Amino acid sequence: MKRREFFKTIAGGLLLSARGWPKTGPDDVKITRTVGFDLVSERPKLVGKNSRLDVHGRRATDRMVRLYTNAGIEGIGNCRAEQAALAKLLGKSPFELYQPGRRTVTGPLGPGTMPVWDLIGKALNKPVHQLLGGAGPLRVSVYDGSIYFSDLLPEYADRPLDRFKEEIDMGLALGHRAFKVKIGRGAKWMPLEEGYARDLEVLKTVRRHTGPEILIGVDANNGYDPDRTERLLKDLPDYNFAFLEEMFPEEIKKCLALKRFISQHGWKTLVADGETQADLEAYKPFIEARALDIFQGDMNRFGFEGILTEAAWCKAQGLQVAPHNWGSLVGFYMQLHVGRAITNLYRAEHDPLSNEILIAEGYEIRDGYATIPDAPGFGLKINEEKFTANARVRFDLTL
């Protein structure tokens, strides 16, 4: 199929039947106040370096918004839009922005539509995943994305490999049965061959500790090249990698060559990439060529509308999506609702963050799957006492 015909065909996949969905909501729901705040969360461990960046630390911040209404319902969500954009919502009904047949919220927030989706879900008494399509499974596959270069942290210098066993055990205790392990030490932090040898040591340690049933993928953050990637697979021929992520800067020919190499050896390993792209259009030639198995548009950068578009494009070619999500607690919940909405989500990426402000009842990881509540909106609530004491309020706008 020619490229123009292909994308003309899948455009129809972006539209859902509006049967059963109200075209508008309650007329009297108006946004009367918007509050922007920073939600700071903590990890249960210090996360180290990857092949490009220094120590990632213990904390991460979500830029959040609370939308208050005259109807007494409130929308909560991750939103990176500026104060001036949020001011434009004052006096509006959220249903002025809602296009149910297209699974879209429009308006001034760009991809930061989560608080509006939450508000609409509460007004209609429906979970967001149902508003987004509701075609996915009841439980969503997840993986622990927090296995970084802990061997390079000074506190573990005397037992660098043992620390990986401890971190795997932490993830297993959280309910995970799939892990992404960072590799590529030789790209920046160690001599090239020494770094590669350490990568192998770490991967062998992890596999011995988990056994064959646990899924292990790797992420080089572009710290490898095609030759070294093939070398890794040949040096660990029985490793059964679940996926290879961002091994080298994505180019269609190089990605296709890697996929051929994997196929020729009879491996089932998937090739994943795309987290650094800032424009959805960049994915189109890769999708048309089937150069990747898993596409990883960033959850917060593209929002629900962008990720659903990417997913529809991929589904038409039998491909999967796994939105990139690092440094965002709320982005994890967003992924889970996408996973309940579509049928081609690979796994949701979990950065093990938590805080005392946001109450997330009904979200639970068990045996490698996450449950998602059927509560209206996202089912998220604010602990008002903790919010008053600890939230970093950026602005508070009222009519």
Protein backbone atom coordinates (compact mmCIF):
# COMPACT_ATOMS: atom_id res chain seq x y z
CA MET A 1 0.00 0.00 0.00
CA LYS A 2 1.33 3.42 -0.90
CA ARG A 3 2.06 5.81 1.94
CA ARG A 4 -0.71 8.30 1.06
CA GLU A 5 -3.28 5.52 0.73
CA PHE A 6 -2.09 3.94 3.99
CA PHE A 7 -2.57 7.03 6.11
CA LYS A 8 -5.83 7.92 4.35
CA THR A 9 -7.11 4.47 5.28
CA ILE A 10 -6.11 4.63 8.93
CA ALA A 11 -7.54 8.11 9.35
CA GLY A 12 -10.88 6.41 9.60
CA GLY A 13 -9.55 4.42 12.54
CA LEU A 14 -9.22 7.58 14.58
CA LEU A 15 -12.99 8.10 14.53
CA LEU A 16 -15.27 6.19 16.83
CA SER A 17 -19.00 5.91 16.58
CA ALA A 18 -20.64 8.55 18.71
CA ARG A 19 -23.65 6.30 19.32
CA GLY A 20 -24.47 6.27 23.01
CA TRP A 21 -22.27 9.26 23.79
CA PRO A 22 -23.80 12.64 24.61
CA LYS A 23 -22.62 15.33 22.22
CA THR A 24 -22.66 17.80 25.06
CA GLY A 25 -22.75 17.53 28.81
CA PRO A 26 -24.68 19.34 31.49
CA ASP A 27 -25.18 22.93 30.42
CA ASP A 28 -24.59 24.33 33.89
CA VAL A 29 -21.03 23.01 34.40
CA LYS A 30 -18.63 25.95 34.18
CA ILE A 31 -14.97 26.19 35.17
CA THR A 32 -14.68 28.84 37.86
CA ARG A 33 -11.15 28.39 39.17
CA THR A 34 -7.84 26.92 38.01
CA VAL A 35 -4.97 26.09 40.35
CA GLY A 36 -1.56 25.06 39.06
CA PHE A 37 0.78 23.23 41.40
CA ASP A 38 3.88 21.05 41.41
CA LEU A 39 3.38 17.52 42.69
CA VAL A 40 6.69 16.24 44.06
CA SER A 41 6.98 12.47 44.42
CA GLU A 42 9.73 10.23 45.79
CA ARG A 43 11.17 6.90 44.75
CA PRO A 44 11.99 4.16 47.26
CA LYS A 45 15.61 4.22 46.07
CA LEU A 46 18.23 6.47 44.55
CA VAL A 47 18.21 6.01 40.77
CA GLY A 48 21.60 6.25 39.13
CA LYS A 49 23.00 7.19 35.74
CA ASN A 50 22.13 5.98 32.27
CA SER A 51 24.34 6.10 29.17
CA ARG A 52 23.74 9.84 28.67
CA LEU A 53 22.70 11.46 31.96
CA ASP A 54 24.07 11.64 35.48
CA VAL A 55 22.33 10.41 38.63
CA HIS A 56 18.54 10.73 38.32
CA GLY A 57 17.97 10.93 42.05
CA ARG A 58 15.05 10.14 44.32
CA ARG A 59 12.49 12.76 43.30
CA ALA A 60 10.41 13.72 40.30
CA THR A 61 7.83 16.45 39.73
CA ASP A 62 4.52 16.46 37.89
CA ARG A 63 3.12 19.83 36.83
CA MET A 64 -0.51 19.57 37.87
CA VAL A 65 -3.74 21.50 37.51
CA ARG A 66 -6.97 21.50 39.52
CA LEU A 67 -10.10 22.70 37.69
CA TYR A 68 -12.95 23.77 39.97
CA THR A 69 -16.53 24.22 38.76
CA ASN A 70 -19.78 25.76 39.88
CA ALA A 71 -21.25 22.23 39.92
CA GLY A 72 -19.01 21.16 42.80
CA ILE A 73 -16.96 18.67 40.74
CA GLU A 74 -13.23 19.06 40.21
CA GLY A 75 -10.85 17.95 37.47
CA ILE A 76 -7.32 16.91 38.43
CA GLY A 77 -4.48 16.10 36.08
CA ASN A 78 -1.00 16.50 34.71
CA CYS A 79 -0.81 19.66 32.58
CA ARG A 80 2.24 21.58 31.43
CA ALA A 81 0.29 24.44 29.87
CA GLU A 82 1.19 27.96 30.97
CA GLN A 83 -0.90 30.11 33.28
CA ALA A 84 -2.22 32.24 30.40
CA ALA A 85 -3.59 29.14 28.67
CA LEU A 86 -5.35 27.95 31.83
CA ALA A 87 -6.88 31.40 32.29
CA LYS A 88 -8.74 30.92 28.99
CA LEU A 89 -10.74 28.07 30.54
CA LEU A 90 -12.39 30.27 33.13
CA GLY A 91 -16.11 30.59 32.47
CA LYS A 92 -16.12 27.78 29.92
CA SER A 93 -17.92 24.47 30.04
CA PRO A 94 -15.55 21.50 29.61
CA PHE A 95 -18.03 20.16 27.08
CA GLU A 96 -17.22 23.06 24.75
CA LEU A 97 -13.83 21.36 24.34
CA TYR A 98 -15.01 17.76 24.11
CA GLN A 99 -15.38 15.84 20.82
CA PRO A 100 -16.51 12.37 21.95
CA GLY A 101 -16.62 10.80 18.49
CA ARG A 102 -12.97 11.65 18.00
CA ARG A 103 -11.82 10.86 21.55
CA THR A 104 -10.46 14.40 21.69
CA VAL A 105 -10.33 17.40 23.98
CA THR A 106 -9.45 20.59 22.13
CA GLY A 107 -8.63 24.07 23.40
CA PRO A 108 -5.68 26.04 24.72
CA LEU A 109 -3.95 23.32 26.77
CA GLY A 110 -2.13 21.53 23.95
CA PRO A 111 -1.42 17.94 25.03
CA GLY A 112 -2.12 18.80 28.69
CA THR A 113 -5.78 17.82 28.55
CA MET A 114 -5.80 15.37 31.48
CA PRO A 115 -7.62 17.65 33.98
CA VAL A 116 -10.35 18.34 31.40
CA TRP A 117 -10.75 14.61 30.71
CA ASP A 118 -11.03 14.04 34.46
CA LEU A 119 -13.70 16.74 34.74
CA ILE A 120 -15.70 15.34 31.82
CA GLY A 121 -15.51 11.82 33.22
CA LYS A 122 -16.83 12.98 36.57
CA ALA A 123 -19.60 15.03 34.98
CA LEU A 124 -20.71 12.01 32.92
CA ASN A 125 -20.03 9.51 35.72
CA LYS A 126 -17.72 7.50 33.47
CA PRO A 127 -14.05 6.45 33.80
CA VAL A 128 -11.73 8.14 31.32
CA HIS A 129 -10.65 4.85 29.79
CA GLN A 130 -14.25 4.29 28.71
CA LEU A 131 -14.44 7.76 27.17
CA LEU A 132 -11.21 6.99 25.29
CA GLY A 133 -12.63 3.85 23.71
CA GLY A 134 -12.75 1.12 26.34
CA ALA A 135 -11.52 -1.58 23.95
CA GLY A 136 -8.53 -2.75 25.99
CA PRO A 137 -8.13 -5.50 28.62
CA LEU A 138 -9.37 -5.23 32.20
CA ARG A 139 -5.78 -5.36 33.45
CA VAL A 140 -2.82 -3.66 31.78
CA SER A 141 0.64 -5.19 31.44
CA VAL A 142 3.37 -3.12 33.11
CA TYR A 143 7.13 -3.15 33.60
CA ASP A 144 9.59 -1.65 36.07
CA GLY A 145 11.73 0.91 34.24
CA SER A 146 13.96 1.85 37.18
CA ILE A 147 17.00 -0.45 36.84
CA TYR A 148 19.73 2.13 36.12
CA PHE A 149 23.51 2.12 36.70
CA SER A 150 23.41 1.57 40.46
CA ASP A 151 26.81 -0.15 40.20
CA LEU A 152 28.35 3.28 39.50
CA LEU A 153 26.94 4.84 42.69
CA PRO A 154 29.68 5.25 45.33
CA GLU A 155 27.61 3.59 48.05
CA TYR A 156 27.55 0.32 46.09
CA ALA A 157 31.13 0.34 44.81
CA ASP A 158 32.10 -2.58 47.06
CA ARG A 159 29.14 -4.75 45.90
CA PRO A 160 28.04 -3.43 42.52
CA LEU A 161 26.34 -6.58 41.25
CA ASP A 162 24.57 -7.45 44.49
CA ARG A 163 22.72 -4.14 44.32
CA PHE A 164 20.94 -5.26 41.15
CA LYS A 165 19.58 -8.30 42.96
CA GLU A 166 18.22 -6.01 45.66
CA GLU A 167 16.58 -3.68 43.14
CA ILE A 168 15.02 -6.58 41.25
CA ASP A 169 13.62 -7.86 44.53
CA MET A 170 12.17 -4.40 45.23
CA GLY A 171 10.41 -4.48 41.87
CA LEU A 172 9.13 -8.01 42.41
CA ALA A 173 7.73 -6.94 45.78
CA LEU A 174 5.83 -4.12 44.00
CA GLY A 175 4.19 -6.73 41.80
CA HIS A 176 6.38 -6.51 38.68
CA ARG A 177 7.24 -9.47 36.49
CA ALA A 178 8.98 -7.50 33.74
CA PHE A 179 11.97 -5.16 33.96
CA LYS A 180 13.88 -2.77 31.73
CA VAL A 181 17.62 -2.73 32.47
CA LYS A 182 19.77 0.21 31.40
CA ILE A 183 22.97 -0.55 29.48
CA GLY A 184 25.59 1.52 27.63
CA ARG A 185 28.13 2.31 30.34
CA GLY A 186 30.89 2.54 27.74
CA ALA A 187 29.21 5.46 25.96
CA LYS A 188 30.19 7.96 28.67
CA TRP A 189 31.15 6.60 32.08
CA MET A 190 33.66 3.81 31.39
CA PRO A 191 36.11 2.83 28.65
CA LEU A 192 34.13 1.31 25.80
CA GLU A 193 35.14 -2.34 26.21
CA GLU A 194 35.14 -2.17 29.99
CA GLY A 195 31.66 -0.68 29.91
CA TYR A 196 30.42 -3.38 27.55
CA ALA A 197 31.86 -6.09 29.79
CA ARG A 198 30.07 -4.56 32.78
CA ASP A 199 26.81 -4.47 30.81
CA LEU A 200 27.17 -8.22 30.24
CA GLU A 201 27.96 -8.86 33.90
CA VAL A 202 24.90 -6.96 35.03
CA LEU A 203 22.58 -8.69 32.56
CA LYS A 204 23.88 -12.12 33.51
CA THR A 205 23.47 -11.30 37.20
CA VAL A 206 19.91 -10.13 36.68
CA ARG A 207 18.95 -13.19 34.64
CA ARG A 208 20.47 -15.63 37.13
CA HIS A 209 18.60 -13.88 39.93
CA THR A 210 15.21 -13.71 38.21
CA GLY A 211 15.23 -17.02 36.41
CA PRO A 212 13.87 -17.49 32.88
CA GLU A 213 10.23 -16.61 33.59
CA ILE A 214 10.76 -12.90 34.28
CA LEU A 215 10.78 -10.65 31.20
CA ILE A 216 13.93 -8.58 30.72
CA GLY A 217 14.32 -5.79 28.18
CA VAL A 218 17.25 -3.40 27.78
CA ASP A 219 17.55 0.31 27.04
CA ALA A 220 20.85 1.77 25.80
CA ASN A 221 19.64 5.39 25.47
CA ASN A 222 21.47 5.41 22.12
CA GLY A 223 24.70 4.32 23.82
CA TYR A 224 25.28 1.41 21.42
CA ASP A 225 25.64 1.15 17.65
CA PRO A 226 24.28 -1.55 15.30
CA ASP A 227 27.43 -3.69 15.46
CA ARG A 228 27.58 -3.66 19.25
CA THR A 229 23.87 -4.42 19.42
CA GLU A 230 24.33 -7.54 17.30
CA ARG A 231 27.36 -8.44 19.39
CA LEU A 232 25.27 -8.25 22.56
CA LEU A 233 22.68 -10.62 21.10
CA LYS A 234 25.34 -13.07 19.94
CA ASP A 235 27.16 -12.95 23.29
CA LEU A 236 23.87 -13.72 25.10
CA PRO A 237 22.10 -15.96 22.56
CA ASP A 238 19.82 -17.66 25.09
CA TYR A 239 18.95 -14.57 27.09
CA ASN A 240 15.50 -14.21 25.56
CA PHE A 241 15.41 -10.40 25.60
CA ALA A 242 11.82 -9.16 25.61
CA PHE A 243 12.77 -5.96 23.79
CA LEU A 244 15.70 -3.76 22.80
CA GLU A 245 15.01 -0.07 23.33
CA GLU A 246 16.86 2.90 21.84
CA MET A 247 20.02 0.95 21.08
CA PHE A 248 21.22 3.58 18.58
CA PRO A 249 19.74 6.72 16.97
CA GLU A 250 16.80 5.42 14.97
CA GLU A 251 17.20 5.18 11.21
CA ILE A 252 14.86 3.09 9.13
CA LYS A 253 17.55 1.07 7.33
CA LYS A 254 19.46 0.33 10.53
CA CYS A 255 16.32 -0.66 12.41
CA LEU A 256 15.19 -2.96 9.61
CA ALA A 257 18.64 -4.55 9.50
CA LEU A 258 18.45 -5.23 13.25
CA LYS A 259 15.00 -6.78 12.87
CA ARG A 260 16.28 -9.03 10.08
CA PHE A 261 19.24 -10.09 12.23
CA ILE A 262 16.89 -10.99 15.09
CA SER A 263 14.56 -12.91 12.78
CA GLN A 264 17.39 -14.83 11.13
CA HIS A 265 18.47 -16.16 14.53
CA GLY A 266 14.95 -17.18 15.50
CA TRP A 267 14.71 -14.77 18.43
CA LYS A 268 11.42 -13.15 19.44
CA THR A 269 12.98 -9.93 20.71
CA LEU A 270 11.07 -6.75 19.80
CA VAL A 271 12.68 -3.48 18.70
CA ALA A 272 11.44 -0.32 20.44
CA ASP A 273 12.24 3.36 19.95
CA GLY A 274 10.82 6.85 19.53
CA GLU A 275 10.79 8.48 22.97
CA THR A 276 12.82 11.52 21.89
CA GLN A 277 10.60 12.48 18.95
CA ALA A 278 8.76 15.78 19.38
CA ASP A 279 6.49 15.50 16.33
CA LEU A 280 4.01 12.72 15.58
CA GLU A 281 4.73 13.05 11.87
CA ALA A 282 8.23 11.66 12.49
CA TYR A 283 6.73 8.24 13.23
CA LYS A 284 4.93 7.88 9.92
CA PRO A 285 7.81 6.61 7.73
CA PHE A 286 8.90 4.19 10.48
CA ILE A 287 5.34 2.86 10.80
CA GLU A 288 4.90 2.50 7.06
CA ALA A 289 8.22 0.61 6.81
CA ARG A 290 7.47 -1.42 9.95
CA ALA A 291 10.98 -0.47 11.06
CA LEU A 292 10.07 -0.82 14.76
CA ASP A 293 7.84 -3.21 16.67
CA ILE A 294 7.04 -0.83 19.52
CA PHE A 295 6.62 2.95 19.26
CA GLN A 296 7.32 5.01 22.36
CA GLY A 297 5.93 8.51 22.03
CA ASP A 298 6.22 10.30 25.36
CA MET A 299 2.97 10.18 27.36
CA ASN A 300 3.11 13.73 28.67
CA ARG A 301 4.58 15.29 25.55
CA PHE A 302 1.80 14.02 23.27
CA GLY A 303 -1.04 13.58 25.76
CA PHE A 304 -4.01 11.31 25.20
CA GLU A 305 -4.86 12.71 21.79
CA GLY A 306 -1.35 12.23 20.41
CA ILE A 307 -0.81 8.76 21.84
CA LEU A 308 -4.19 7.54 20.58
CA THR A 309 -3.32 8.85 17.12
CA GLU A 310 0.05 7.07 17.22
CA ALA A 311 -1.68 3.89 18.43
CA ALA A 312 -4.22 3.99 15.59
CA TRP A 313 -1.48 4.42 13.01
CA CYS A 314 0.44 1.50 14.54
CA LYS A 315 -2.56 -0.80 14.82
CA ALA A 316 -3.20 -0.54 11.09
CA GLN A 317 0.25 -2.07 10.57
CA GLY A 318 0.06 -4.64 13.37
CA LEU A 319 2.44 -2.66 15.59
CA GLN A 320 2.33 -1.74 19.26
CA VAL A 321 2.83 1.34 21.42
CA ALA A 322 4.45 1.66 24.83
CA PRO A 323 4.38 5.33 25.81
CA HIS A 324 7.59 6.58 27.33
CA ASN A 325 7.01 7.64 30.91
CA TRP A 326 9.88 8.50 33.21
CA GLY A 327 9.82 11.04 36.01
CA SER A 328 6.04 11.17 36.15
CA LEU A 329 3.82 9.44 38.69
CA VAL A 330 0.65 10.72 37.04
CA GLY A 331 1.90 9.75 33.59
CA PHE A 332 1.75 6.14 34.77
CA TYR A 333 -1.96 6.47 35.49
CA MET A 334 -2.43 8.10 32.09
CA GLN A 335 -0.77 5.12 30.39
CA LEU A 336 -3.02 2.70 32.24
CA HIS A 337 -6.15 4.41 30.97
CA VAL A 338 -4.72 4.28 27.45
CA GLY A 339 -4.11 0.56 28.01
CA ARG A 340 -7.75 0.07 28.97
CA ALA A 341 -8.83 2.05 25.90
CA ILE A 342 -6.85 0.39 23.07
CA THR A 343 -5.82 -3.12 22.07
CA ASN A 344 -2.20 -2.56 21.00
CA LEU A 345 -0.48 -1.23 24.12
CA TYR A 346 2.63 -3.34 24.82
CA ARG A 347 3.28 -2.43 28.45
CA ALA A 348 3.03 0.63 30.67
CA GLU A 349 6.31 1.97 32.05
CA HIS A 350 6.41 2.34 35.82
CA ASP A 351 8.73 4.78 37.59
CA PRO A 352 8.08 3.76 41.23
CA LEU A 353 7.06 7.14 42.62
CA SER A 354 4.66 8.04 45.43
CA ASN A 355 3.53 10.98 47.54
CA GLU A 356 1.02 11.81 50.27
CA ILE A 357 -0.97 14.43 48.35
CA LEU A 358 -2.49 12.36 45.56
CA ILE A 359 -4.82 9.51 46.58
CA ALA A 360 -5.00 6.81 43.89
CA GLU A 361 -7.38 4.12 45.09
CA GLY A 362 -7.97 1.16 42.79
CA TYR A 363 -4.58 1.28 41.05
CA GLU A 364 -2.68 -1.86 41.99
CA ILE A 365 0.17 -3.86 40.43
CA ARG A 366 0.03 -7.62 40.86
CA ASP A 367 1.82 -10.38 38.93
CA GLY A 368 2.92 -7.99 36.21
CA TYR A 369 -0.48 -6.40 35.60
CA ALA A 370 -2.08 -3.21 36.86
CA THR A 371 -5.71 -2.75 37.78
CA ILE A 372 -7.48 0.51 36.93
CA PRO A 373 -10.53 1.78 38.82
CA ASP A 374 -13.88 2.25 37.14
CA ALA A 375 -14.46 5.38 39.21
CA PRO A 376 -15.56 8.53 37.34
CA GLY A 377 -12.70 10.36 35.64
CA PHE A 378 -9.36 8.99 36.76
CA GLY A 379 -10.52 8.19 40.27
CA LEU A 380 -7.80 10.42 41.73
CA LYS A 381 -8.38 12.54 44.83
CA ILE A 382 -6.46 15.18 46.75
CA ASN A 383 -5.56 14.91 50.43
CA GLU A 384 -6.46 18.50 51.25
CA GLU A 385 -4.46 18.60 54.49
CA LYS A 386 -1.29 17.40 52.76
CA PHE A 387 -1.97 19.69 49.79
CA THR A 388 -2.20 22.76 52.03
CA ALA A 389 0.96 21.79 53.87
CA ASN A 390 3.18 20.56 51.05
CA ALA A 391 1.95 21.43 47.55
CA ARG A 392 3.91 24.03 45.59
CA VAL A 393 1.15 26.23 44.17
CA ARG A 394 2.24 28.08 41.02
CA PHE A 395 -0.93 30.09 40.41
CA ASP A 396 -4.55 30.37 41.53
CA LEU A 397 -6.96 31.96 39.05
CA THR A 398 -10.66 32.66 39.57
CA LEU A 399 -13.45 34.32 37.62
